[in-house]
């Protein structure tokens, strides 16, 4: 009798495992493409995912907050993030990526290769080296596929400003195309570099714009908005931050172009599914 119970128990166990694996496979194959502007406070973090495959652009300032946010959207059994992109090495963009590198297996890391002088940047690089993560220089023309979605880096080119005291000028600008849905992610890209990206001849048009530098008055010119021509603009920003972001003049500028403005400090996570 005990032998029969053991056999029955083994059958039930194997059947349960089969159901779990089937569920995971079904989940991975049948999820929509999702773009989430994570509410990480005064910083940027954007998760792009399709089932069990993810691209993470920036990680906000805090590892604890970033990991809490990712836990909402990445299933507990999935401990791999296929691609991590650091738009530039400022604390409010890479601070949370330190926790990501410690907690997840990262398939590939992409950054613009511009150096930063912060302790967070040094720790970030050390983790990449210690974990032997493939590191790729992110520059114009690189394409990343996520099933039917395609992410293309538009900026920078081969020439970098490379100023460790102000790394915004080399922020990675990337465009995600998934069917009719087009997103433009801008990091902290500043107004004074507009001419460089215009001169590249890259198509900046997008339905949804991630507003550069948390809505700072030193980013997002009228000419830039004319080139992008978005219907919606996302501002990733912390409530009552000491920088006064977003600047009222930027809000007014966006609205004068007929653009719907969404803010993480007011709405929390901003999620698109398609």
Protein backbone atom coordinates (compact mmCIF):
# COMPACT_ATOMS: atom_id res chain seq x y z
CA UNK A 1 0.00 0.00 0.00
CA UNK A 2 2.79 2.46 0.90
CA UNK A 3 4.47 1.76 -2.44
CA UNK A 4 1.23 2.55 -4.27
CA UNK A 5 0.88 5.80 -2.34
CA UNK A 6 4.42 6.73 -3.30
CA UNK A 7 3.67 6.11 -6.97
CA UNK A 8 0.43 8.12 -6.78
CA UNK A 9 2.26 10.92 -4.99
CA UNK A 10 4.97 10.96 -7.66
CA UNK A 11 2.32 11.10 -10.41
CA UNK A 12 0.54 14.00 -8.70
CA UNK A 13 3.86 15.81 -8.23
CA UNK A 14 4.86 15.38 -11.88
CA UNK A 15 1.39 16.44 -13.03
CA UNK A 16 1.61 19.57 -10.88
CA UNK A 17 5.05 20.42 -12.23
CA UNK A 18 3.72 19.92 -15.78
CA UNK A 19 0.86 22.32 -15.11
CA UNK A 20 3.21 24.94 -13.70
CA UNK A 21 5.57 24.66 -16.69
CA UNK A 22 2.65 24.80 -19.11
CA UNK A 23 1.39 27.90 -17.35
CA UNK A 24 4.78 29.58 -17.59
CA UNK A 25 5.08 28.74 -21.30
CA UNK A 26 1.53 29.97 -21.95
CA UNK A 27 2.26 33.18 -20.04
CA UNK A 28 5.45 33.82 -21.99
CA UNK A 29 3.82 33.28 -25.38
CA UNK A 30 0.51 35.07 -24.87
CA UNK A 31 1.33 38.30 -23.09
CA UNK A 32 0.94 41.66 -24.78
CA UNK A 33 3.84 44.03 -25.30
CA UNK A 34 3.88 46.28 -22.24
CA UNK A 35 5.67 49.58 -21.67
CA UNK A 36 5.72 50.79 -18.07
CA UNK A 37 7.04 54.15 -16.90
CA UNK A 38 7.86 53.14 -13.34
CA UNK A 39 7.18 55.54 -10.48
CA UNK A 40 10.65 55.61 -8.91
CA UNK A 41 10.52 59.14 -7.56
CA UNK A 42 12.95 61.73 -8.93
CA UNK A 43 14.49 59.61 -11.65
CA UNK A 44 13.82 57.50 -14.74
CA UNK A 45 13.00 53.82 -15.09
CA UNK A 46 11.16 52.27 -18.03
CA UNK A 47 10.29 48.58 -18.37
CA UNK A 48 9.52 47.13 -21.79
CA UNK A 49 8.35 43.52 -21.69
CA UNK A 50 6.70 40.77 -23.67
CA UNK A 51 5.98 37.74 -21.52
CA UNK A 52 9.24 36.64 -19.93
CA UNK A 53 11.47 38.91 -22.03
CA UNK A 54 12.37 42.38 -20.77
CA UNK A 55 14.30 45.50 -21.66
CA UNK A 56 14.93 47.89 -18.77
CA UNK A 57 15.90 51.49 -19.51
CA UNK A 58 17.43 53.15 -16.42
CA UNK A 59 16.67 52.26 -12.81
CA UNK A 60 15.86 55.41 -10.87
CA UNK A 61 17.87 56.56 -7.84
CA UNK A 62 17.07 53.76 -5.36
CA UNK A 63 17.66 50.00 -5.58
CA UNK A 64 14.93 49.27 -3.03
CA UNK A 65 12.31 51.27 -4.92
CA UNK A 66 13.37 49.89 -8.29
CA UNK A 67 13.15 46.27 -7.13
CA UNK A 68 9.74 46.91 -5.56
CA UNK A 69 8.51 48.32 -8.86
CA UNK A 70 9.92 45.48 -10.97
CA UNK A 71 8.30 42.97 -8.61
CA UNK A 72 4.89 44.25 -9.71
CA UNK A 73 5.47 43.35 -13.36
CA UNK A 74 8.12 40.63 -13.64
CA UNK A 75 6.85 37.18 -12.52
CA UNK A 76 8.56 35.76 -9.44
CA UNK A 77 9.97 32.83 -11.40
CA UNK A 78 11.65 35.09 -13.97
CA UNK A 79 15.02 36.20 -12.59
CA UNK A 80 16.50 37.27 -15.93
CA UNK A 81 16.34 40.67 -17.62
CA UNK A 82 17.56 40.29 -21.17
CA UNK A 83 18.80 43.87 -21.76
CA UNK A 84 19.55 46.73 -19.37
CA UNK A 85 20.18 50.17 -20.85
CA UNK A 86 21.72 53.01 -18.86
CA UNK A 87 21.03 56.23 -20.77
CA UNK A 88 23.81 58.05 -18.90
CA UNK A 89 25.67 57.60 -15.61
CA UNK A 90 23.76 59.99 -13.30
CA UNK A 91 22.63 58.68 -9.88
CA UNK A 92 18.92 59.17 -10.64
CA UNK A 93 19.24 56.85 -13.64
CA UNK A 94 21.70 54.16 -12.52
CA UNK A 95 21.36 54.10 -8.72
CA UNK A 96 18.56 51.53 -8.85
CA UNK A 97 20.35 49.47 -11.49
CA UNK A 98 22.89 48.42 -8.87
CA UNK A 99 20.15 46.45 -7.10
CA UNK A 100 18.94 45.07 -10.43
CA UNK A 101 22.41 43.75 -11.28
CA UNK A 102 22.63 42.10 -7.87
CA UNK A 103 19.14 40.54 -7.94
CA UNK A 104 18.68 39.52 -11.59
CA UNK A 105 20.76 37.81 -14.20
CA UNK A 106 21.32 40.46 -16.88
CA UNK A 107 21.91 39.19 -20.38
CA UNK A 108 23.42 42.36 -21.79
CA UNK A 109 24.17 45.88 -20.55
CA UNK A 110 24.18 48.86 -22.90
CA UNK A 111 25.44 52.35 -22.09
CA UNK A 112 26.94 55.24 -24.01
CA UNK A 113 30.45 54.61 -22.57
CA UNK A 114 30.58 58.16 -21.18
CA UNK A 115 32.34 58.19 -17.83
CA UNK A 116 30.76 59.37 -14.60
CA UNK A 117 32.55 60.41 -11.43
CA UNK A 118 29.94 59.31 -8.87
CA UNK A 119 30.31 56.44 -6.41
CA UNK A 120 27.15 54.90 -7.88
CA UNK A 121 28.77 54.77 -11.32
CA UNK A 122 31.90 53.12 -9.94
CA UNK A 123 29.81 50.49 -8.12
CA UNK A 124 27.74 49.94 -11.25
CA UNK A 125 30.80 49.28 -13.40
CA UNK A 126 32.32 47.04 -10.74
CA UNK A 127 29.21 44.84 -10.71
CA UNK A 128 29.22 44.55 -14.49
CA UNK A 129 32.84 43.42 -14.39
CA UNK A 130 32.40 41.09 -11.42
CA UNK A 131 29.38 39.36 -12.97
CA UNK A 132 31.01 39.27 -16.41
CA UNK A 133 27.98 40.87 -18.04
CA UNK A 134 28.35 41.63 -21.74
CA UNK A 135 28.72 45.40 -22.05
CA UNK A 136 27.91 47.08 -25.34
CA UNK A 137 28.45 50.70 -26.33
CA UNK A 138 25.05 52.15 -27.20
CA UNK A 139 25.23 54.32 -30.29
CA UNK A 140 23.16 55.27 -33.30
CA UNK A 141 21.84 52.34 -35.34
CA UNK A 142 21.82 49.58 -32.72
CA UNK A 143 18.59 47.54 -32.88
CA UNK A 144 17.11 45.35 -30.17
CA UNK A 145 14.25 42.99 -31.00
CA UNK A 146 11.55 42.03 -28.51
CA UNK A 147 9.28 39.70 -30.50
CA UNK A 148 7.37 42.04 -32.84
CA UNK A 149 8.66 45.18 -31.12
CA UNK A 150 11.89 46.88 -32.19
CA UNK A 151 14.01 49.31 -30.16
CA UNK A 152 16.52 51.45 -32.08
CA UNK A 153 19.14 53.76 -30.60
CA UNK A 154 19.08 57.13 -32.39
CA UNK A 155 21.66 59.04 -30.34
CA UNK A 156 24.54 59.46 -29.59
CA UNK A 157 26.72 58.77 -32.61
CA UNK A 158 30.38 57.86 -32.42
CA UNK A 159 31.44 61.28 -31.12
CA UNK A 160 30.67 61.96 -27.46
CA UNK A 161 30.81 65.19 -25.51
CA UNK A 162 32.15 63.02 -22.65
CA UNK A 163 32.01 65.54 -19.81
CA UNK A 164 32.01 63.68 -16.45
CA UNK A 165 30.68 66.81 -14.73
CA UNK A 166 27.62 66.98 -17.01
CA UNK A 167 26.75 63.68 -18.67
CA UNK A 168 23.31 64.69 -19.97
CA UNK A 169 24.64 65.68 -23.40
CA UNK A 170 25.46 62.05 -24.21
CA UNK A 171 22.15 60.59 -23.02
CA UNK A 172 20.98 57.66 -25.08
CA UNK A 173 17.87 58.50 -27.12
CA UNK A 174 15.97 55.43 -28.33
CA UNK A 175 12.82 54.72 -30.32
CA UNK A 176 10.49 51.76 -29.78
CA UNK A 177 8.21 50.68 -32.62
CA UNK A 178 5.51 48.06 -32.02
CA UNK A 179 2.92 48.17 -34.76
CA UNK A 180 1.30 51.61 -34.74
CA UNK A 181 2.68 52.37 -31.28
CA UNK A 182 5.88 54.43 -31.30
CA UNK A 183 7.71 55.65 -28.18
CA UNK A 184 10.67 58.02 -27.95
CA UNK A 185 12.84 57.69 -24.82
CA UNK A 186 15.15 60.64 -24.23
CA UNK A 187 17.02 60.22 -20.93
CA UNK A 188 18.18 63.71 -19.88
CA UNK A 189 18.88 64.88 -23.44
CA UNK A 190 19.38 68.71 -23.31
CA UNK A 191 18.22 71.49 -25.62
CA UNK A 192 21.75 72.50 -26.59
CA UNK A 193 22.28 69.14 -28.31
CA UNK A 194 19.16 69.41 -30.49
CA UNK A 195 21.17 70.43 -33.55
CA UNK A 196 23.34 67.31 -33.28
CA UNK A 197 20.40 64.92 -33.29
CA UNK A 198 18.64 66.89 -36.03
CA UNK A 199 21.80 66.75 -38.14
CA UNK A 200 21.86 62.95 -37.84
CA UNK A 201 18.77 62.78 -40.03
CA UNK A 202 17.13 60.20 -37.76
CA UNK A 203 13.33 60.03 -37.74
CA UNK A 204 12.25 61.32 -34.32
CA UNK A 205 8.49 61.04 -34.86
CA UNK A 206 6.61 59.16 -32.13
CA UNK A 207 3.13 58.85 -30.63
CA UNK A 208 4.43 58.97 -27.08
CA UNK A 209 7.38 61.01 -25.84
CA UNK A 210 9.25 60.46 -22.60
CA UNK A 211 10.04 64.09 -21.78
CA UNK A 212 13.76 64.66 -21.26
CA UNK A 213 15.31 65.52 -17.89
CA UNK A 214 12.09 65.19 -15.85
CA UNK A 215 10.58 68.26 -17.48
CA UNK A 216 13.53 70.57 -16.86
CA UNK A 217 13.46 73.95 -18.60
CA UNK A 218 16.83 73.05 -20.13
CA UNK A 219 15.29 70.31 -22.27
CA UNK A 220 12.47 69.88 -24.82
CA UNK A 221 12.47 72.74 -27.31
CA UNK A 222 9.56 73.71 -29.55
CA UNK A 223 11.54 72.56 -32.58
CA UNK A 224 12.16 69.19 -30.96
CA UNK A 225 8.45 68.78 -30.23
CA UNK A 226 7.70 69.68 -33.83
CA UNK A 227 10.01 66.90 -35.04
CA UNK A 228 8.55 64.30 -32.66
CA UNK A 229 4.91 65.45 -32.91
CA UNK A 230 3.64 63.22 -30.06
CA UNK A 231 0.05 62.94 -28.90
CA UNK A 232 1.12 62.13 -25.32
CA UNK A 233 4.11 63.09 -23.17
CA UNK A 234 5.30 61.26 -20.05
CA UNK A 235 7.20 63.11 -17.34
CA UNK A 236 9.03 60.85 -14.89
CA UNK A 237 9.43 62.99 -11.79
CA UNK A 238 9.32 62.88 -7.99
CA UNK A 239 6.69 64.76 -6.01
CA UNK A 240 7.85 68.06 -4.46
CA UNK A 241 11.41 67.55 -5.72
CA UNK A 242 14.07 70.15 -4.91
CA UNK A 243 14.73 70.93 -8.58
CA UNK A 244 11.28 72.32 -9.28
CA UNK A 245 10.67 69.71 -11.99
CA UNK A 246 8.70 69.81 -14.14
CA UNK A 247 9.13 73.47 -15.12
CA UNK A 248 5.83 75.25 -15.73
CA UNK A 249 7.15 76.61 -19.00
CA UNK A 250 7.68 73.05 -20.25
CA UNK A 251 4.15 72.04 -19.21
CA UNK A 252 2.78 75.10 -21.02
CA UNK A 253 4.90 74.32 -24.07
CA UNK A 254 3.62 70.73 -24.26
CA UNK A 255 0.01 71.85 -23.91
CA UNK A 256 0.46 74.55 -26.56
CA UNK A 257 1.35 71.73 -28.97
CA UNK A 258 -1.87 69.92 -28.04
CA UNK A 259 -0.01 67.15 -26.22
CA UNK A 260 -1.63 65.24 -23.35
CA UNK A 261 0.71 65.35 -20.34
CA UNK A 262 1.04 62.43 -17.89
CA UNK A 263 3.23 62.53 -14.79
CA UNK A 264 4.44 59.75 -12.51
CA UNK A 265 4.26 62.03 -9.45
CA UNK A 266 0.53 62.41 -10.08
CA UNK A 267 -0.43 59.06 -11.61
CA UNK A 268 2.13 56.59 -10.25
CA UNK A 269 3.15 53.92 -12.76
CA UNK A 270 2.03 54.74 -16.31
CA UNK A 271 1.30 51.56 -18.26
CA UNK A 272 0.75 50.94 -21.97
CA UNK A 273 -0.30 47.53 -23.32
CA UNK A 274 -0.74 46.65 -26.97
